[in-house]
PDB file of N, CA and C in Angstrom:
ATOM      1  N   ASN A   1      74.242 204.544  99.799  1.00  0.00           N
ATOM      2  CA  ASN A   1      73.971 205.369  98.640  1.00  0.00           C
ATOM      3  C   ASN A   1      73.159 204.646  97.574  1.00  0.00           C
ATOM      4  N   CYS A   2      72.914 203.371  97.759  1.00  0.00           N
ATOM      5  CA  CYS A   2      72.089 202.618  96.818  1.00  0.00           C
ATOM      6  C   CYS A   2      70.642 203.078  96.975  1.00  0.00           C
ATOM      7  N   ALA A   3      70.024 203.446  95.873  1.00  0.00           N
ATOM      8  CA  ALA A   3      68.677 204.000  95.940  1.00  0.00           C
ATOM      9  C   ALA A   3      67.581 202.998  95.600  1.00  0.00           C
ATOM     10  N   TYR A   4      67.932 201.813  95.111  1.00  0.00           N
ATOM     11  CA  TYR A   4      66.892 200.891  94.680  1.00  0.00           C
ATOM     12  C   TYR A   4      66.899 199.582  95.464  1.00  0.00           C
ATOM     13  N   ALA A   5      67.820 198.706  95.145  1.00  0.00           N
ATOM     14  CA  ALA A   5      67.787 197.349  95.691  1.00  0.00           C
ATOM     15  C   ALA A   5      68.106 197.289  97.180  1.00  0.00           C
ATOM     16  N   CYS A   6      69.075 198.051  97.628  1.00  0.00           N
ATOM     17  CA  CYS A   6      69.484 197.954  99.034  1.00  0.00           C
ATOM     18  C   CYS A   6      68.371 198.332 100.012  1.00  0.00           C
ATOM     19  N   PRO A   7      67.634 199.417  99.784  1.00  0.00           N
ATOM     20  CA  PRO A   7      66.533 199.703 100.707  1.00  0.00           C
ATOM     21  C   PRO A   7      65.488 198.588 100.753  1.00  0.00           C
ATOM     22  N   ILE A   8      65.227 197.965  99.603  1.00  0.00           N
ATOM     23  CA  ILE A   8      64.276 196.844  99.580  1.00  0.00           C
ATOM     24  C   ILE A   8      64.836 195.679 100.378  1.00  0.00           C
ATOM     25  N   THR A   9      66.105 195.372 100.195  1.00  0.00           N
ATOM     26  CA  THR A   9      66.735 194.261 100.922  1.00  0.00           C
ATOM     27  C   THR A   9      66.720 194.518 102.428  1.00  0.00           C
ATOM     28  N   VAL A  10      67.014 195.745 102.838  1.00  0.00           N
ATOM     29  CA  VAL A  10      67.001 196.075 104.268  1.00  0.00           C
ATOM     30  C   VAL A  10      65.592 195.912 104.830  1.00  0.00           C
ATOM     31  N   GLU A  11      64.585 196.348 104.086  1.00  0.00           N
ATOM     32  CA  GLU A  11      63.205 196.179 104.553  1.00  0.00           C
ATOM     33  C   GLU A  11      62.839 194.705 104.654  1.00  0.00           C
ATOM     34  N   GLU A  12      63.327 193.890 103.723  1.00  0.00           N
ATOM     35  CA  GLU A  12      63.092 192.446 103.811  1.00  0.00           C
ATOM     36  C   GLU A  12      63.763 191.861 105.050  1.00  0.00           C
ATOM     37  N   MET A  13      64.974 192.327 105.353  1.00  0.00           N
ATOM     38  CA  MET A  13      65.665 191.849 106.545  1.00  0.00           C
ATOM     39  C   MET A  13      64.903 192.254 107.806  1.00  0.00           C
ATOM     40  N   LYS A  14      64.339 193.452 107.806  1.00  0.00           N
ATOM     41  CA  LYS A  14      63.544 193.895 108.950  1.00  0.00           C
ATOM     42  C   LYS A  14      62.282 193.044 109.087  1.00  0.00           C
ATOM     43  N   ARG A  15      61.687 192.668 107.958  1.00  0.00           N
ATOM     44  CA  ARG A  15      60.518 191.779 108.002  1.00  0.00           C
ATOM     45  C   ARG A  15      60.906 190.399 108.531  1.00  0.00           C
ATOM     46  N   ILE A  16      62.076 189.919 108.157  1.00  0.00           N
ATOM     47  CA  ILE A  16      62.564 188.646 108.692  1.00  0.00           C
ATOM     48  C   ILE A  16      62.722 188.757 110.203  1.00  0.00           C
ATOM     49  N   GLU A  17      63.354 189.828 110.645  1.00  0.00           N
ATOM     50  CA  GLU A  17      63.546 190.038 112.082  1.00  0.00           C
ATOM     51  C   GLU A  17      62.200 190.031 112.813  1.00  0.00           C
ATOM     52  N   ALA A  18      61.226 190.747 112.285  1.00  0.00           N
ATOM     53  CA  ALA A  18      59.911 190.838 112.920  1.00  0.00           C
ATOM     54  C   ALA A  18      59.186 189.496 112.918  1.00  0.00           C
ATOM     55  N   ALA A  19      59.455 188.657 111.917  1.00  0.00           N
ATOM     56  CA  ALA A  19      58.776 187.364 111.811  1.00  0.00           C
ATOM     57  C   ALA A  19      59.396 186.280 112.695  1.00  0.00           C
ATOM     58  N   LEU A  20      60.610 186.522 113.191  1.00  0.00           N
ATOM     59  CA  LEU A  20      61.262 185.527 114.040  1.00  0.00           C
ATOM     60  C   LEU A  20      60.559 185.445 115.392  1.00  0.00           C
ATOM     61  N   PRO A  21      60.395 184.243 115.919  1.00  0.00           N
ATOM     62  CA  PRO A  21      59.882 184.133 117.289  1.00  0.00           C
ATOM     63  C   PRO A  21      60.830 184.875 118.231  1.00  0.00           C
ATOM     64  N   GLU A  22      60.286 185.447 119.283  1.00  0.00           N
ATOM     65  CA  GLU A  22      61.079 186.295 120.171  1.00  0.00           C
ATOM     66  C   GLU A  22      62.328 185.598 120.706  1.00  0.00           C
ATOM     67  N   GLU A  23      62.201 184.321 121.077  1.00  0.00           N
ATOM     68  CA  GLU A  23      63.367 183.619 121.629  1.00  0.00           C
ATOM     69  C   GLU A  23      64.450 183.418 120.581  1.00  0.00           C
ATOM     70  N   LEU A  24      64.073 183.298 119.326  1.00  0.00           N
ATOM     71  CA  LEU A  24      65.057 183.153 118.255  1.00  0.00           C
ATOM     72  C   LEU A  24      65.625 184.519 117.858  1.00  0.00           C
ATOM     73  N   ARG A  25      64.797 185.545 117.889  1.00  0.00           N
ATOM     74  CA  ARG A  25      65.228 186.902 117.527  1.00  0.00           C
ATOM     75  C   ARG A  25      66.421 187.343 118.371  1.00  0.00           C
ATOM     76  N   ALA A  26      66.435 186.941 119.625  1.00  0.00           N
ATOM     77  CA  ALA A  26      67.527 187.325 120.526  1.00  0.00           C
ATOM     78  C   ALA A  26      68.852 186.654 120.146  1.00  0.00           C
ATOM     79  N   LYS A  27      68.790 185.598 119.327  1.00  0.00           N
ATOM     80  CA  LYS A  27      69.991 184.855 118.940  1.00  0.00           C
ATOM     81  C   LYS A  27      70.498 185.222 117.549  1.00  0.00           C
ATOM     82  N   VAL A  28      69.788 186.095 116.850  1.00  0.00           N
ATOM     83  CA  VAL A  28      70.110 186.387 115.454  1.00  0.00           C
ATOM     84  C   VAL A  28      70.664 187.805 115.328  1.00  0.00           C
ATOM     85  N   ASP A  29      71.728 187.933 114.557  1.00  0.00           N
ATOM     86  CA  ASP A  29      72.305 189.231 114.249  1.00  0.00           C
ATOM     87  C   ASP A  29      72.128 189.500 112.758  1.00  0.00           C
ATOM     88  N   PHE A  30      71.953 190.754 112.417  1.00  0.00           N
ATOM     89  CA  PHE A  30      71.790 191.188 111.041  1.00  0.00           C
ATOM     90  C   PHE A  30      72.971 192.082 110.693  1.00  0.00           C
ATOM     91  N   ILE A  31      73.635 191.765 109.586  1.00  0.00           N
ATOM     92  CA  ILE A  31      74.850 192.478 109.215  1.00  0.00           C
ATOM     93  C   ILE A  31      74.705 193.007 107.795  1.00  0.00           C
ATOM     94  N   LEU A  32      74.967 194.279 107.638  1.00  0.00           N
ATOM     95  CA  LEU A  32      75.001 194.917 106.323  1.00  0.00           C
ATOM     96  C   LEU A  32      76.435 195.344 106.063  1.00  0.00           C
ATOM     97  N   VAL A  33      76.935 195.024 104.882  1.00  0.00           N
ATOM     98  CA  VAL A  33      78.299 195.404 104.511  1.00  0.00           C
ATOM     99  C   VAL A  33      78.211 196.270 103.263  1.00  0.00           C
ATOM    100  N   THR A  34      78.729 197.478 103.345  1.00  0.00           N
ATOM    101  CA  THR A  34      78.687 198.367 102.191  1.00  0.00           C
ATOM    102  C   THR A  34      79.653 197.903 101.107  1.00  0.00           C
ATOM    103  N   LEU A  35      79.224 198.081  99.880  1.00  0.00           N
ATOM    104  CA  LEU A  35      80.096 197.835  98.731  1.00  0.00           C
ATOM    105  C   LEU A  35      80.784 199.130  98.301  1.00  0.00           C
ATOM    106  N   ASP A  36      80.442 200.216  98.974  1.00  0.00           N
ATOM    107  CA  ASP A  36      80.916 201.543  98.597  1.00  0.00           C
ATOM    108  C   ASP A  36      81.545 202.265  99.795  1.00  0.00           C
ATOM    109  N   PRO A  37      82.676 201.740 100.315  1.00  0.00           N
ATOM    110  CA  PRO A  37      83.263 202.355 101.507  1.00  0.00           C
ATOM    111  C   PRO A  37      83.783 203.773 101.272  1.00  0.00           C
ATOM    112  N   GLU A  38      83.989 204.168 100.025  1.00  0.00           N
ATOM    113  CA  GLU A  38      84.435 205.541  99.754  1.00  0.00           C
ATOM    114  C   GLU A  38      83.373 206.548 100.169  1.00  0.00           C
ATOM    115  N   ARG A  39      82.128 206.281  99.819  1.00  0.00           N
ATOM    116  CA  ARG A  39      81.038 207.207 100.150  1.00  0.00           C
ATOM    117  C   ARG A  39      80.326 206.830 101.444  1.00  0.00           C
ATOM    118  N   ASP A  40      80.309 205.556 101.767  1.00  0.00           N
ATOM    119  CA  ASP A  40      79.627 205.110 102.986  1.00  0.00           C
ATOM    120  C   ASP A  40      80.596 205.148 104.161  1.00  0.00           C
ATOM    121  N   THR A  41      80.831 206.354 104.625  1.00  0.00           N
ATOM    122  CA  THR A  41      81.717 206.578 105.763  1.00  0.00           C
ATOM    123  C   THR A  41      81.042 206.102 107.040  1.00  0.00           C
ATOM    124  N   VAL A  42      81.769 206.112 108.134  1.00  0.00           N
ATOM    125  CA  VAL A  42      81.193 205.756 109.430  1.00  0.00           C
ATOM    126  C   VAL A  42      80.005 206.665 109.726  1.00  0.00           C
ATOM    127  N   GLU A  43      80.153 207.950 109.438  1.00  0.00           N
ATOM    128  CA  GLU A  43      79.073 208.903 109.677  1.00  0.00           C
ATOM    129  C   GLU A  43      77.864 208.620 108.788  1.00  0.00           C
ATOM    130  N   ALA A  44      78.124 208.302 107.524  1.00  0.00           N
ATOM    131  CA  ALA A  44      77.029 207.997 106.598  1.00  0.00           C
ATOM    132  C   ALA A  44      76.291 206.738 107.032  1.00  0.00           C
ATOM    133  N   LEU A  45      77.024 205.740 107.524  1.00  0.00           N
ATOM    134  CA  LEU A  45      76.378 204.509 107.997  1.00  0.00           C
ATOM    135  C   LEU A  45      75.567 204.769 109.260  1.00  0.00           C
ATOM    136  N   ALA A  46      76.054 205.630 110.135  1.00  0.00           N
ATOM    137  CA  ALA A  46      75.296 205.976 111.340  1.00  0.00           C
ATOM    138  C   ALA A  46      73.997 206.686 110.955  1.00  0.00           C
ATOM    139  N   GLU A  47      74.076 207.567 109.989  1.00  0.00           N
ATOM    140  CA  GLU A  47      72.870 208.254 109.500  1.00  0.00           C
ATOM    141  C   GLU A  47      71.897 207.258 108.868  1.00  0.00           C
ATOM    142  N   TYR A  48      72.425 206.316 108.102  1.00  0.00           N
ATOM    143  CA  TYR A  48      71.598 205.285 107.470  1.00  0.00           C
ATOM    144  C   TYR A  48      70.897 204.445 108.535  1.00  0.00           C
ATOM    145  N   ARG A  49      71.627 204.060 109.579  1.00  0.00           N
ATOM    146  CA  ARG A  49      71.055 203.291 110.683  1.00  0.00           C
ATOM    147  C   ARG A  49      69.864 204.038 111.290  1.00  0.00           C
ATOM    148  N   ALA A  50      70.052 205.320 111.538  1.00  0.00           N
ATOM    149  CA  ALA A  50      68.984 206.121 112.139  1.00  0.00           C
ATOM    150  C   ALA A  50      67.797 206.252 111.188  1.00  0.00           C
ATOM    151  N   ARG A  51      68.075 206.528 109.929  1.00  0.00           N
ATOM    152  CA  ARG A  51      67.008 206.721 108.944  1.00  0.00           C
ATOM    153  C   ARG A  51      66.186 205.455 108.745  1.00  0.00           C
ATOM    154  N   ARG A  52      66.849 204.303 108.747  1.00  0.00           N
ATOM    155  CA  ARG A  52      66.176 203.013 108.538  1.00  0.00           C
ATOM    156  C   ARG A  52      65.697 202.381 109.848  1.00  0.00           C
ATOM    157  N   GLN A  53      65.963 203.046 110.955  1.00  0.00           N
ATOM    158  CA  GLN A  53      65.562 202.578 112.287  1.00  0.00           C
ATOM    159  C   GLN A  53      66.079 201.159 112.563  1.00  0.00           C
ATOM    160  N   LEU A  54      67.397 201.012 112.422  1.00  0.00           N
ATOM    161  CA  LEU A  54      68.059 199.736 112.672  1.00  0.00           C
ATOM    162  C   LEU A  54      68.635 199.774 114.081  1.00  0.00           C
ATOM    163  N   GLY A  55      68.155 198.899 114.935  1.00  0.00           N
ATOM    164  CA  GLY A  55      68.614 198.875 116.321  1.00  0.00           C
ATOM    165  C   GLY A  55      70.097 198.577 116.428  1.00  0.00           C
ATOM    166  N   VAL A  56      70.676 198.952 117.548  1.00  0.00           N
ATOM    167  CA  VAL A  56      72.111 198.722 117.737  1.00  0.00           C
ATOM    168  C   VAL A  56      72.392 197.350 118.337  1.00  0.00           C
ATOM    169  N   GLY A  57      71.388 196.705 118.908  1.00  0.00           N
ATOM    170  CA  GLY A  57      71.613 195.421 119.573  1.00  0.00           C
ATOM    171  C   GLY A  57      71.941 194.269 118.648  1.00  0.00           C
ATOM    172  N   HIS A  58      71.218 194.178 117.529  1.00  0.00           N
ATOM    173  CA  HIS A  58      71.396 193.021 116.643  1.00  0.00           C
ATOM    174  C   HIS A  58      71.664 193.402 115.192  1.00  0.00           C
ATOM    175  N   TRP A  59      71.941 194.677 114.954  1.00  0.00           N
ATOM    176  CA  TRP A  59      72.249 195.144 113.605  1.00  0.00           C
ATOM    177  C   TRP A  59      73.647 195.741 113.590  1.00  0.00           C
ATOM    178  N   SER A  60      74.469 195.274 112.637  1.00  0.00           N
ATOM    179  CA  SER A  60      75.810 195.828 112.443  1.00  0.00           C
ATOM    180  C   SER A  60      75.930 196.326 111.010  1.00  0.00           C
ATOM    181  N   LEU A  61      76.454 197.515 110.858  1.00  0.00           N
ATOM    182  CA  LEU A  61      76.714 198.089 109.543  1.00  0.00           C
ATOM    183  C   LEU A  61      78.222 198.198 109.401  1.00  0.00           C
ATOM    184  N   LEU A  62      78.760 197.494 108.431  1.00  0.00           N
ATOM    185  CA  LEU A  62      80.208 197.364 108.316  1.00  0.00           C
ATOM    186  C   LEU A  62      80.720 197.962 107.014  1.00  0.00           C
ATOM    187  N   ARG A  63      81.957 198.413 107.088  1.00  0.00           N
ATOM    188  CA  ARG A  63      82.676 198.867 105.906  1.00  0.00           C
ATOM    189  C   ARG A  63      84.114 198.399 106.043  1.00  0.00           C
ATOM    190  N   GLY A  64      84.746 198.141 104.923  1.00  0.00           N
ATOM    191  CA  GLY A  64      86.135 197.705 104.945  1.00  0.00           C
ATOM    192  C   GLY A  64      86.840 198.199 103.700  1.00  0.00           C
ATOM    193  N   GLY A  65      88.062 197.782 103.570  1.00  0.00           N
ATOM    194  CA  GLY A  65      88.825 198.146 102.383  1.00  0.00           C
ATOM    195  C   GLY A  65      88.295 197.432 101.149  1.00  0.00           C
ATOM    196  N   ALA A  66      88.679 197.929  99.987  1.00  0.00           N
ATOM    197  CA  ALA A  66      88.193 197.373  98.725  1.00  0.00           C
ATOM    198  C   ALA A  66      88.519 195.887  98.587  1.00  0.00           C
ATOM    199  N   ASP A  67      89.738 195.487  98.948  1.00  0.00           N
ATOM    200  CA  ASP A  67      90.128 194.080  98.811  1.00  0.00           C
ATOM    201  C   ASP A  67      89.346 193.196  99.770  1.00  0.00           C
ATOM    202  N   ASP A  68      89.171 193.643 101.009  1.00  0.00           N
ATOM    203  CA  ASP A  68      88.412 192.858 101.979  1.00  0.00           C
ATOM    204  C   ASP A  68      86.950 192.733 101.552  1.00  0.00           C
ATOM    205  N   THR A  69      86.402 193.815 101.042  1.00  0.00           N
ATOM    206  CA  THR A  69      85.015 193.801 100.585  1.00  0.00           C
ATOM    207  C   THR A  69      84.850 192.833  99.428  1.00  0.00           C
ATOM    208  N   ARG A  70      85.775 192.881  98.484  1.00  0.00           N
ATOM    209  CA  ARG A  70      85.710 191.979  97.321  1.00  0.00           C
ATOM    210  C   ARG A  70      85.843 190.525  97.767  1.00  0.00           C
ATOM    211  N   GLU A  71      86.733 190.256  98.726  1.00  0.00           N
ATOM    212  CA  GLU A  71      86.912 188.883  99.213  1.00  0.00           C
ATOM    213  C   GLU A  71      85.656 188.371  99.911  1.00  0.00           C
ATOM    214  N   LEU A  72      85.066 189.184 100.770  1.00  0.00           N
ATOM    215  CA  LEU A  72      83.842 188.780 101.449  1.00  0.00           C
ATOM    216  C   LEU A  72      82.721 188.548 100.442  1.00  0.00           C
ATOM    217  N   ALA A  73      82.597 189.450  99.480  1.00  0.00           N
ATOM    218  CA  ALA A  73      81.569 189.291  98.446  1.00  0.00           C
ATOM    219  C   ALA A  73      81.758 187.975  97.701  1.00  0.00           C
ATOM    220  N   ALA A  74      82.995 187.643  97.350  1.00  0.00           N
ATOM    221  CA  ALA A  74      83.261 186.388  96.642  1.00  0.00           C
ATOM    222  C   ALA A  74      82.888 185.186  97.505  1.00  0.00           C
ATOM    223  N   LEU A  75      83.217 185.243  98.789  1.00  0.00           N
ATOM    224  CA  LEU A  75      82.883 184.133  99.688  1.00  0.00           C
ATOM    225  C   LEU A  75      81.379 183.923  99.814  1.00  0.00           C
ATOM    226  N   LEU A  76      80.622 185.012  99.738  1.00  0.00           N
ATOM    227  CA  LEU A  76      79.169 184.932  99.884  1.00  0.00           C
ATOM    228  C   LEU A  76      78.439 184.810  98.544  1.00  0.00           C
ATOM    229  N   GLY A  77      79.180 184.872  97.446  1.00  0.00           N
ATOM    230  CA  GLY A  77      78.549 184.746  96.133  1.00  0.00           C
ATOM    231  C   GLY A  77      77.892 186.012  95.633  1.00  0.00           C
ATOM    232  N   VAL A  78      78.389 187.158  96.076  1.00  0.00           N
ATOM    233  CA  VAL A  78      77.840 188.443  95.662  1.00  0.00           C
ATOM    234  C   VAL A  78      78.728 189.022  94.564  1.00  0.00           C
ATOM    235  N   SER A  79      78.112 189.350  93.435  1.00  0.00           N
ATOM    236  CA  SER A  79      78.829 190.021  92.351  1.00  0.00           C
ATOM    237  C   SER A  79      78.461 191.491  92.372  1.00  0.00           C
ATOM    238  N   TYR A  80      79.416 192.360  92.080  1.00  0.00           N
ATOM    239  CA  TYR A  80      79.113 193.780  92.010  1.00  0.00           C
ATOM    240  C   TYR A  80      80.102 194.497  91.109  1.00  0.00           C
ATOM    241  N   LYS A  81      79.628 195.604  90.568  1.00  0.00           N
ATOM    242  CA  LYS A  81      80.461 196.397  89.670  1.00  0.00           C
ATOM    243  C   LYS A  81      79.937 197.834  89.693  1.00  0.00           C
ATOM    244  N   ARG A  82      80.852 198.789  89.761  1.00  0.00           N
ATOM    245  CA  ARG A  82      80.480 200.202  89.724  1.00  0.00           C
ATOM    246  C   ARG A  82      80.060 200.548  88.293  1.00  0.00           C
ATOM    247  N   ASP A  83      78.925 201.234  88.174  1.00  0.00           N
ATOM    248  CA  ASP A  83      78.472 201.646  86.848  1.00  0.00           C
ATOM    249  C   ASP A  83      78.997 203.041  86.515  1.00  0.00           C
ATOM    250  N   GLY A  84      78.644 203.546  85.369  1.00  0.00           N
ATOM    251  CA  GLY A  84      79.137 204.836  84.906  1.00  0.00           C
ATOM    252  C   GLY A  84      78.655 206.019  85.729  1.00  0.00           C
ATOM    253  N   LYS A  85      77.601 205.832  86.535  1.00  0.00           N
ATOM    254  CA  LYS A  85      77.056 206.912  87.359  1.00  0.00           C
ATOM    255  C   LYS A  85      77.586 206.870  88.793  1.00  0.00           C
ATOM    256  N   GLY A  86      78.506 205.934  89.064  1.00  0.00           N
ATOM    257  CA  GLY A  86      79.070 205.828  90.405  1.00  0.00           C
ATOM    258  C   GLY A  86      78.269 204.945  91.336  1.00  0.00           C
ATOM    259  N   GLN A  87      77.148 204.409  90.860  1.00  0.00           N
ATOM    260  CA  GLN A  87      76.365 203.456  91.639  1.00  0.00           C
ATOM    261  C   GLN A  87      76.920 202.055  91.408  1.00  0.00           C
ATOM    262  N   PHE A  88      76.410 201.091  92.163  1.00  0.00           N
ATOM    263  CA  PHE A  88      76.860 199.718  92.005  1.00  0.00           C
ATOM    264  C   PHE A  88      75.717 198.840  91.520  1.00  0.00           C
ATOM    265  N   ALA A  89      75.985 198.103  90.462  1.00  0.00           N
ATOM    266  CA  ALA A  89      75.098 197.015  90.063  1.00  0.00           C
ATOM    267  C   ALA A  89      75.575 195.814  90.870  1.00  0.00           C
ATOM    268  N   HIS A  90      74.647 195.125  91.531  1.00  0.00           N
ATOM    269  CA  HIS A  90      75.074 194.042  92.408  1.00  0.00           C
ATOM    270  C   HIS A  90      74.010 192.969  92.542  1.00  0.00           C
ATOM    271  N   SER A  91      74.447 191.806  93.016  1.00  0.00           N
ATOM    272  CA  SER A  91      73.529 190.718  93.314  1.00  0.00           C
ATOM    273  C   SER A  91      72.591 191.160  94.418  1.00  0.00           C
ATOM    274  N   ASN A  92      71.380 190.672  94.375  1.00  0.00           N
ATOM    275  CA  ASN A  92      70.416 190.919  95.442  1.00  0.00           C
ATOM    276  C   ASN A  92      70.315 189.622  96.231  1.00  0.00           C
ATOM    277  N   LEU A  93      71.004 189.592  97.354  1.00  0.00           N
ATOM    278  CA  LEU A  93      71.189 188.341  98.072  1.00  0.00           C
ATOM    279  C   LEU A  93      71.207 188.579  99.578  1.00  0.00           C
ATOM    280  N   ILE A  94      70.448 187.750 100.278  1.00  0.00           N
ATOM    281  CA  ILE A  94      70.528 187.712 101.737  1.00  0.00           C
ATOM    282  C   ILE A  94      71.081 186.329 102.080  1.00  0.00           C
ATOM    283  N   SER A  95      72.229 186.305 102.725  1.00  0.00           N
ATOM    284  CA  SER A  95      72.847 185.037 103.142  1.00  0.00           C
ATOM    285  C   SER A  95      72.559 184.809 104.615  1.00  0.00           C
ATOM    286  N   ILE A  96      72.236 183.577 104.949  1.00  0.00           N
ATOM    287  CA  ILE A  96      71.987 183.189 106.333  1.00  0.00           C
ATOM    288  C   ILE A  96      73.141 182.291 106.747  1.00  0.00           C
ATOM    289  N   LEU A  97      73.857 182.725 107.775  1.00  0.00           N
ATOM    290  CA  LEU A  97      75.035 181.990 108.243  1.00  0.00           C
ATOM    291  C   LEU A  97      74.712 181.293 109.557  1.00  0.00           C
ATOM    292  N   ASN A  98      75.285 180.099 109.729  1.00  0.00           N
ATOM    293  CA  ASN A  98      75.123 179.407 111.004  1.00  0.00           C
ATOM    294  C   ASN A  98      76.156 179.924 112.001  1.00  0.00           C
ATOM    295  N   ARG A  99      76.189 179.321 113.157  1.00  0.00           N
ATOM    296  CA  ARG A  99      77.096 179.779 114.223  1.00  0.00           C
ATOM    297  C   ARG A  99      78.564 179.666 113.846  1.00  0.00           C
ATOM    298  N   GLU A 100      78.876 178.765 112.925  1.00  0.00           N
ATOM    299  CA  GLU A 100      80.264 178.585 112.486  1.00  0.00           C
ATOM    300  C   GLU A 100      80.619 179.518 111.331  1.00  0.00           C
ATOM    301  N   GLY A 101      79.681 180.347 110.905  1.00  0.00           N
ATOM    302  CA  GLY A 101      79.934 181.270 109.818  1.00  0.00           C
ATOM    303  C   GLY A 101      79.765 180.664 108.441  1.00  0.00           C
ATOM    304  N   GLU A 102      79.161 179.492 108.365  1.00  0.00           N
ATOM    305  CA  GLU A 102      78.925 178.831 107.090  1.00  0.00           C
ATOM    306  C   GLU A 102      77.556 179.240 106.551  1.00  0.00           C
ATOM    307  N   VAL A 103      77.471 179.382 105.233  1.00  0.00           N
ATOM    308  CA  VAL A 103      76.197 179.726 104.618  1.00  0.00           C
ATOM    309  C   VAL A 103      75.252 178.538 104.757  1.00  0.00           C
ATOM    310  N   SER A 104      74.115 178.774 105.407  1.00  0.00           N
ATOM    311  CA  SER A 104      73.137 177.694 105.590  1.00  0.00           C
ATOM    312  C   SER A 104      71.849 177.969 104.828  1.00  0.00           C
ATOM    313  N   GLY A 105      71.748 179.138 104.223  1.00  0.00           N
ATOM    314  CA  GLY A 105      70.580 179.463 103.424  1.00  0.00           C
ATOM    315  C   GLY A 105      70.801 180.768 102.691  1.00  0.00           C
ATOM    316  N   ARG A 106      70.018 180.953 101.625  1.00  0.00           N
ATOM    317  CA  ARG A 106      70.126 182.181 100.832  1.00  0.00           C
ATOM    318  C   ARG A 106      68.753 182.560 100.313  1.00  0.00           C
ATOM    319  N   LEU A 107      68.525 183.845 100.268  1.00  0.00           N
ATOM    320  CA  LEU A 107      67.377 184.386  99.550  1.00  0.00           C
ATOM    321  C   LEU A 107      67.961 185.175  98.389  1.00  0.00           C
ATOM    322  N   VAL A 108      67.648 184.759  97.184  1.00  0.00           N
ATOM    323  CA  VAL A 108      68.206 185.385  95.993  1.00  0.00           C
ATOM    324  C   VAL A 108      67.112 186.187  95.313  1.00  0.00           C
ATOM    325  N   GLY A 109      67.396 187.446  95.056  1.00  0.00           N
ATOM    326  CA  GLY A 109      66.433 188.316  94.408  1.00  0.00           C
ATOM    327  C   GLY A 109      65.675 189.147  95.427  1.00  0.00           C
ATOM    328  N   LEU A 110      64.838 190.020  94.913  1.00  0.00           N
ATOM    329  CA  LEU A 110      64.054 190.893  95.769  1.00  0.00           C
ATOM    330  C   LEU A 110      62.671 190.286  96.012  1.00  0.00           C
ATOM    331  N   HIS A 111      62.056 190.698  97.106  1.00  0.00           N
ATOM    332  CA  HIS A 111      60.691 190.279  97.455  1.00  0.00           C
ATOM    333  C   HIS A 111      60.585 188.761  97.590  1.00  0.00           C
ATOM    334  N   GLN A 112      61.439 188.198  98.421  1.00  0.00           N
ATOM    335  CA  GLN A 112      61.462 186.756  98.618  1.00  0.00           C
ATOM    336  C   GLN A 112      60.550 186.315  99.757  1.00  0.00           C
ATOM    337  N   ASP A 113      60.420 185.009  99.898  1.00  0.00           N
ATOM    338  CA  ASP A 113      59.523 184.386 100.863  1.00  0.00           C
ATOM    339  C   ASP A 113      60.118 184.468 102.276  1.00  0.00           C
ATOM    340  N   ILE A 114      59.551 185.318 103.119  1.00  0.00           N
ATOM    341  CA  ILE A 114      60.067 185.539 104.469  1.00  0.00           C
ATOM    342  C   ILE A 114      59.982 184.269 105.320  1.00  0.00           C
ATOM    343  N   PRO A 115      58.900 183.474 105.257  1.00  0.00           N
ATOM    344  CA  PRO A 115      58.881 182.241 106.059  1.00  0.00           C
ATOM    345  C   PRO A 115      60.048 181.297 105.754  1.00  0.00           C
ATOM    346  N   LEU A 116      60.504 181.265 104.507  1.00  0.00           N
ATOM    347  CA  LEU A 116      61.678 180.438 104.186  1.00  0.00           C
ATOM    348  C   LEU A 116      62.911 180.939 104.924  1.00  0.00           C
ATOM    349  N   ALA A 117      63.059 182.247 105.020  1.00  0.00           N
ATOM    350  CA  ALA A 117      64.197 182.832 105.733  1.00  0.00           C
ATOM    351  C   ALA A 117      64.103 182.530 107.221  1.00  0.00           C
ATOM    352  N   VAL A 118      62.900 182.592 107.778  1.00  0.00           N
ATOM    353  CA  VAL A 118      62.717 182.288 109.200  1.00  0.00           C
ATOM    354  C   VAL A 118      63.098 180.829 109.466  1.00  0.00           C
ATOM    355  N   GLU A 119      62.663 179.930 108.603  1.00  0.00           N
ATOM    356  CA  GLU A 119      63.005 178.513 108.779  1.00  0.00           C
ATOM    357  C   GLU A 119      64.510 178.295 108.654  1.00  0.00           C
ATOM    358  N   ALA A 120      65.139 178.961 107.702  1.00  0.00           N
ATOM    359  CA  ALA A 120      66.594 178.857 107.562  1.00  0.00           C
ATOM    360  C   ALA A 120      67.287 179.416 108.797  1.00  0.00           C
ATOM    361  N   GLY A 121      66.741 180.489 109.369  1.00  0.00           N
ATOM    362  CA  GLY A 121      67.295 181.054 110.592  1.00  0.00           C
ATOM    363  C   GLY A 121      67.180 180.087 111.754  1.00  0.00           C
ATOM    364  N   ARG A 122      66.067 179.385 111.841  1.00  0.00           N
ATOM    365  CA  ARG A 122      65.902 178.357 112.886  1.00  0.00           C
ATOM    366  C   ARG A 122      66.984 177.282 112.767  1.00  0.00           C
ATOM    367  N   LYS A 123      67.171 176.815 111.540  1.00  0.00           N
ATOM    368  CA  LYS A 123      68.173 175.769 111.308  1.00  0.00           C
ATOM    369  C   LYS A 123      69.577 176.276 111.632  1.00  0.00           C
ATOM    370  N   ALA A 124      69.860 177.504 111.224  1.00  0.00           N
ATOM    371  CA  ALA A 124      71.191 178.086 111.471  1.00  0.00           C
ATOM    372  C   ALA A 124      71.452 178.228 112.956  1.00  0.00           C
ATOM    373  N   ALA A 125      70.394 178.526 113.726  1.00  0.00           N
ATOM    374  CA  ALA A 125      70.549 178.691 115.177  1.00  0.00           C
ATOM    375  C   ALA A 125      70.553 177.355 115.905  1.00  0.00           C
ATOM    376  N   GLY A 126      70.386 176.267 115.141  1.00  0.00           N
ATOM    377  CA  GLY A 126      70.429 174.943 115.762  1.00  0.00           C
ATOM    378  C   GLY A 126      69.120 174.531 116.400  1.00  0.00           C
ATOM    379  N   GLU A 127      68.012 175.133 115.998  1.00  0.00           N
ATOM    380  CA  GLU A 127      66.706 174.777 116.561  1.00  0.00           C
ATOM    381  C   GLU A 127      65.982 173.816 115.653  1.00  0.00           C
TER     382      GLU A 127
END
């Protein structure tokens, strides 16, 4: 339901995916976690996947309870708060995790340097 930052972030993630060498692309998964599980139902996420053309092989769209979402956000350094219009003001952050689930890189803000993300992905994959 985010109309501004999230679509830009998803497009950046798709650009990262496209920029990865093919052999590395097969080793990388992309995960989106909604901050709004009340409105982002399983059906809404499936529709979002189709609309954004996110493949099922390496893209996961997740939703969880409010406490789990808040805990994951805290672990990844994402701040968010519901505004008066029911939207969420939130950090614009892409975290790159290694095989052990540790943060090995971050892109903070919108319109970031895709080659930096590709290099961080290489390091995270152990290449």
